[in-house]
């Protein structure tokens, strides 16, 4: 009986510790960090030409509009050539 109780306690502590270690790594960016950045507009990930000033759904595909921040450097434009191997 004592051995079963000890094993259950050890298992519970191990699972609790693992959950505590994994959870912060999978929650994503904190809301405080996201609120510091200025949102320029909301755009559809599949249709970047769709831009709205409020969150919502894309009228074409129904996907959730994603915020585009002022400090965002990502674009859907073709990469610029560095001069090497350009045609």
C-alpha atoms as a PDB file:
ATOM      1  CA  UNK A   1       0.000   0.000   0.000  1.00  0.00           C
ATOM      2  CA  UNK A   2       2.787   2.429   0.892  1.00  0.00           C
ATOM      3  CA  UNK A   3       4.633   1.717  -2.353  1.00  0.00           C
ATOM      4  CA  UNK A   4       1.548   2.498  -4.463  1.00  0.00           C
ATOM      5  CA  UNK A   5       0.984   5.794  -2.629  1.00  0.00           C
ATOM      6  CA  UNK A   6       4.617   6.830  -3.103  1.00  0.00           C
ATOM      7  CA  UNK A   7       4.489   5.980  -6.813  1.00  0.00           C
ATOM      8  CA  UNK A   8       1.273   7.971  -7.277  1.00  0.00           C
ATOM      9  CA  UNK A   9       2.775  11.003  -5.511  1.00  0.00           C
ATOM     10  CA  UNK A  10       5.991  10.794  -7.560  1.00  0.00           C
ATOM     11  CA  UNK A  11       3.998  10.485 -10.777  1.00  0.00           C
ATOM     12  CA  UNK A  12       1.792  13.455  -9.874  1.00  0.00           C
ATOM     13  CA  UNK A  13       4.791  15.636  -9.015  1.00  0.00           C
ATOM     14  CA  UNK A  14       6.567  14.636 -12.228  1.00  0.00           C
ATOM     15  CA  UNK A  15       3.544  15.393 -14.409  1.00  0.00           C
ATOM     16  CA  UNK A  16       2.911  18.682 -12.624  1.00  0.00           C
ATOM     17  CA  UNK A  17       6.522  19.734 -13.081  1.00  0.00           C
ATOM     18  CA  UNK A  18       6.493  18.792 -16.747  1.00  0.00           C
ATOM     19  CA  UNK A  19       3.290  20.756 -17.330  1.00  0.00           C
ATOM     20  CA  UNK A  20       4.750  23.763 -15.522  1.00  0.00           C
ATOM     21  CA  UNK A  21       7.881  23.624 -17.645  1.00  0.00           C
ATOM     22  CA  UNK A  22       6.124  23.082 -20.995  1.00  0.00           C
ATOM     23  CA  UNK A  23       3.241  25.570 -20.614  1.00  0.00           C
ATOM     24  CA  UNK A  24       5.264  28.836 -20.760  1.00  0.00           C
ATOM     25  CA  UNK A  25       7.049  27.626 -23.890  1.00  0.00           C
ATOM     26  CA  UNK A  26       3.802  27.019 -25.803  1.00  0.00           C
ATOM     27  CA  UNK A  27       1.674  29.997 -24.779  1.00  0.00           C
ATOM     28  CA  UNK A  28       3.139  32.317 -27.404  1.00  0.00           C
ATOM     29  CA  UNK A  29       4.068  35.959 -26.918  1.00  0.00           C
ATOM     30  CA  UNK A  30       2.771  37.682 -23.844  1.00  0.00           C
ATOM     31  CA  UNK A  31      -0.134  40.063 -24.220  1.00  0.00           C
ATOM     32  CA  UNK A  32       1.983  42.871 -22.735  1.00  0.00           C
ATOM     33  CA  UNK A  33       4.530  42.537 -25.543  1.00  0.00           C
ATOM     34  CA  UNK A  34       1.807  42.470 -28.198  1.00  0.00           C
ATOM     35  CA  UNK A  35       0.058  45.548 -26.782  1.00  0.00           C
ATOM     36  CA  UNK A  36       3.264  47.632 -27.025  1.00  0.00           C
ATOM     37  CA  UNK A  37       3.253  47.382 -30.812  1.00  0.00           C
ATOM     38  CA  UNK A  38       0.970  49.520 -32.957  1.00  0.00           C
ATOM     39  CA  UNK A  39      -1.430  47.678 -35.263  1.00  0.00           C
ATOM     40  CA  UNK A  40      -1.580  49.270 -38.704  1.00  0.00           C
ATOM     41  CA  UNK A  41      -4.419  47.138 -40.080  1.00  0.00           C
ATOM     42  CA  UNK A  42      -5.781  43.586 -40.212  1.00  0.00           C
ATOM     43  CA  UNK A  43      -5.087  41.433 -43.279  1.00  0.00           C
ATOM     44  CA  UNK A  44      -5.990  37.975 -44.490  1.00  0.00           C
ATOM     45  CA  UNK A  45      -3.019  35.585 -44.506  1.00  0.00           C
ATOM     46  CA  UNK A  46      -4.222  34.061 -47.796  1.00  0.00           C
ATOM     47  CA  UNK A  47      -5.400  37.290 -49.449  1.00  0.00           C
ATOM     48  CA  UNK A  48      -3.017  40.131 -48.421  1.00  0.00           C
ATOM     49  CA  UNK A  49      -4.974  42.607 -50.525  1.00  0.00           C
ATOM     50  CA  UNK A  50      -7.836  42.307 -47.998  1.00  0.00           C
ATOM     51  CA  UNK A  51      -7.189  44.989 -45.374  1.00  0.00           C
ATOM     52  CA  UNK A  52      -9.505  46.213 -42.622  1.00  0.00           C
ATOM     53  CA  UNK A  53      -9.092  48.531 -39.661  1.00  0.00           C
ATOM     54  CA  UNK A  54     -10.879  46.078 -37.331  1.00  0.00           C
ATOM     55  CA  UNK A  55     -10.449  42.351 -36.650  1.00  0.00           C
ATOM     56  CA  UNK A  56     -12.824  39.976 -38.353  1.00  0.00           C
ATOM     57  CA  UNK A  57     -13.001  37.352 -41.066  1.00  0.00           C
ATOM     58  CA  UNK A  58     -11.850  37.489 -44.680  1.00  0.00           C
ATOM     59  CA  UNK A  59     -14.851  37.979 -46.988  1.00  0.00           C
ATOM     60  CA  UNK A  60     -13.264  35.651 -49.574  1.00  0.00           C
ATOM     61  CA  UNK A  61     -12.154  32.614 -47.564  1.00  0.00           C
ATOM     62  CA  UNK A  62     -13.474  33.258 -44.043  1.00  0.00           C
ATOM     63  CA  UNK A  63     -10.051  33.020 -42.358  1.00  0.00           C
ATOM     64  CA  UNK A  64      -9.404  35.140 -39.280  1.00  0.00           C
ATOM     65  CA  UNK A  65      -7.741  38.450 -40.168  1.00  0.00           C
ATOM     66  CA  UNK A  66      -4.263  38.786 -38.634  1.00  0.00           C
ATOM     67  CA  UNK A  67      -2.884  42.076 -37.272  1.00  0.00           C
ATOM     68  CA  UNK A  68      -0.108  43.776 -39.229  1.00  0.00           C
ATOM     69  CA  UNK A  69       2.138  45.779 -36.918  1.00  0.00           C
ATOM     70  CA  UNK A  70       4.000  49.009 -37.638  1.00  0.00           C
ATOM     71  CA  UNK A  71       7.357  47.354 -36.944  1.00  0.00           C
ATOM     72  CA  UNK A  72       6.576  44.294 -39.072  1.00  0.00           C
ATOM     73  CA  UNK A  73       9.137  43.619 -41.791  1.00  0.00           C
ATOM     74  CA  UNK A  74       7.476  40.615 -43.429  1.00  0.00           C
ATOM     75  CA  UNK A  75       5.943  41.067 -46.856  1.00  0.00           C
ATOM     76  CA  UNK A  76       4.525  38.920 -49.586  1.00  0.00           C
ATOM     77  CA  UNK A  77       6.711  40.614 -52.171  1.00  0.00           C
ATOM     78  CA  UNK A  78       9.202  38.610 -54.184  1.00  0.00           C
ATOM     79  CA  UNK A  79      12.699  38.630 -52.684  1.00  0.00           C
ATOM     80  CA  UNK A  80      15.030  41.228 -54.088  1.00  0.00           C
ATOM     81  CA  UNK A  81      17.992  40.041 -56.096  1.00  0.00           C
ATOM     82  CA  UNK A  82      21.453  40.472 -54.617  1.00  0.00           C
ATOM     83  CA  UNK A  83      23.023  40.596 -58.066  1.00  0.00           C
ATOM     84  CA  UNK A  84      24.171  36.995 -57.954  1.00  0.00           C
ATOM     85  CA  UNK A  85      22.545  34.656 -60.427  1.00  0.00           C
ATOM     86  CA  UNK A  86      19.850  37.103 -61.524  1.00  0.00           C
ATOM     87  CA  UNK A  87      18.283  36.551 -64.904  1.00  0.00           C
END
